[in-house]
Protein backbone atom coordinates (compact mmCIF):
# COMPACT_ATOMS: atom_id res chain seq x y z
CA GLN A 1 63.33 79.17 121.25
CA VAL A 2 66.50 79.64 123.19
CA GLN A 3 66.48 82.46 125.09
CA LEU A 4 69.63 83.63 127.76
CA VAL A 5 69.02 86.91 129.65
CA GLU A 6 71.91 88.43 131.67
CA SER A 7 71.31 90.97 134.53
CA GLY A 8 73.87 91.92 137.89
CA GLY A 9 76.25 94.09 135.86
CA GLY A 10 76.75 97.76 136.80
CA LEU A 11 79.28 100.16 137.88
CA VAL A 12 81.33 99.16 140.45
CA GLN A 13 84.75 100.43 142.26
CA ALA A 14 87.94 98.73 141.82
CA GLY A 15 87.86 95.74 144.32
CA GLY A 16 84.30 95.30 144.49
CA SER A 17 82.51 91.68 143.50
CA LEU A 18 79.90 91.61 141.26
CA ARG A 19 77.72 88.58 140.99
CA LEU A 20 76.39 88.23 137.49
CA SER A 21 72.89 86.24 136.51
CA CYS A 22 71.54 84.42 133.58
CA ALA A 23 68.24 82.95 133.32
CA ALA A 24 68.02 80.19 130.71
CA SER A 25 64.72 78.92 128.55
CA GLY A 26 63.84 77.15 125.20
CA PHE A 27 66.05 74.36 125.92
CA THR A 28 66.41 71.51 128.23
CA PHE A 29 69.35 73.60 130.38
CA SER A 30 70.47 70.48 133.10
CA SER A 31 71.42 68.62 129.35
CA TYR A 32 74.24 71.30 128.32
CA ALA A 33 77.44 72.74 129.43
CA MET A 34 76.95 76.81 129.99
CA SER A 35 80.07 79.55 129.16
CA TRP A 36 80.36 83.38 129.75
CA TYR A 37 82.01 85.42 127.57
CA ARG A 38 83.06 89.24 127.58
CA GLN A 39 83.95 91.91 124.88
CA ALA A 40 85.68 94.68 125.78
CA LEU A 41 85.32 97.72 123.70
CA GLY A 42 87.66 97.60 120.27
CA LYS A 43 88.86 93.84 121.31
CA GLU A 44 87.58 90.29 120.10
CA ARG A 45 85.18 88.06 122.51
CA GLU A 46 86.79 86.11 125.06
CA LEU A 47 85.83 82.70 126.83
CA VAL A 48 85.66 83.49 130.46
CA ALA A 49 84.66 80.24 132.04
CA THR A 50 82.64 77.41 131.78
CA ILE A 51 80.66 74.36 133.63
CA GLY A 52 79.31 71.34 133.19
CA LYS A 53 76.07 70.41 132.63
CA THR A 54 75.53 69.38 136.30
CA GLY A 55 78.27 71.87 137.69
CA GLY A 56 80.33 68.90 138.32
CA TRP A 57 83.18 70.54 136.24
CA THR A 58 84.52 73.89 135.21
CA ASN A 59 87.08 75.79 133.07
CA TYR A 60 88.77 78.73 133.37
CA ALA A 61 90.35 80.85 131.29
CA ASP A 62 94.30 82.30 133.02
CA SER A 63 93.05 85.64 133.18
CA ALA A 64 89.38 84.71 135.55
CA LYS A 65 91.54 82.11 137.52
CA GLY A 66 91.02 83.31 141.43
CA ARG A 67 88.82 85.83 140.99
CA PHE A 68 85.75 84.50 139.15
CA THR A 69 83.63 81.75 139.95
CA ILE A 70 80.60 80.07 137.69
CA SER A 71 78.06 78.12 139.02
CA ARG A 72 74.72 76.79 138.06
CA ASP A 73 71.35 76.20 139.12
CA ASN A 74 69.57 73.18 137.26
CA SER A 75 66.75 74.10 139.17
CA ILE A 76 65.69 77.66 137.86
CA ASN A 77 67.86 77.38 134.93
CA THR A 78 70.44 79.66 135.78
CA VAL A 79 74.25 79.85 135.67
CA TYR A 80 75.92 82.73 137.54
CA LEU A 81 79.20 84.33 137.49
CA GLN A 82 80.55 85.68 140.30
CA ILE A 83 83.79 88.01 139.69
CA ASN A 84 85.76 89.67 143.17
CA SER A 85 88.63 91.97 142.80
CA LEU A 86 88.12 93.07 140.30
CA LYS A 87 89.46 95.44 137.90
CA PRO A 88 89.34 98.77 135.45
CA GLU A 89 90.63 95.30 132.67
CA ASP A 90 87.36 93.80 133.81
CA THR A 91 85.25 96.05 132.51
CA ALA A 92 83.58 94.42 129.56
CA VAL A 93 79.92 93.18 128.41
CA TYR A 94 79.50 89.95 129.63
CA TYR A 95 77.42 87.47 127.52
CA CYS A 96 76.39 83.72 128.09
CA ASN A 97 76.51 81.38 125.84
CA VAL A 98 75.30 77.59 125.03
CA GLY A 99 76.24 75.71 122.24
CA LEU A 100 73.29 73.27 121.01
CA ARG A 101 71.87 71.53 117.43
CA GLY A 102 75.60 72.93 116.22
CA MET A 103 74.67 76.44 116.83
CA ASP A 104 76.24 79.20 119.21
CA PHE A 105 73.59 81.24 121.77
CA TRP A 106 73.88 84.23 122.96
CA GLY A 107 72.69 86.63 125.20
CA LYS A 108 72.45 90.43 125.05
CA GLY A 109 74.83 91.27 127.41
CA THR A 110 75.33 92.68 130.56
CA LEU A 111 77.88 95.77 130.80
CA VAL A 112 79.90 95.58 133.81
CA THR A 113 82.00 98.98 134.51
CA VAL A 114 85.15 99.55 136.75
CA SER A 115 86.24 102.16 137.75
CA SER A 116 89.48 102.98 139.43
């Protein structure tokens, strides 16, 4: 079955950096675009970034442009989200997502907490 397992979150001071990882299994990873979403406490889940199946294109939410970088390694079925210059408003649970067979699949998320 489709599995997405996020890791790399944690507590970091404002201005710091984190690299989130999402290990995928149960589908042909290199055939699908992958996305990162985030959900802050009391807010709706929002799209952060998407990467094409070969990594040839990327797309970012306005709030993510300039500080976030999405990338992927199809040899190990993993997608990454590099976040630099972290801000307290980046505090959220970050989720990996893939859409296939007409359905959305999600991991359990990894918590990023940014202290001021």
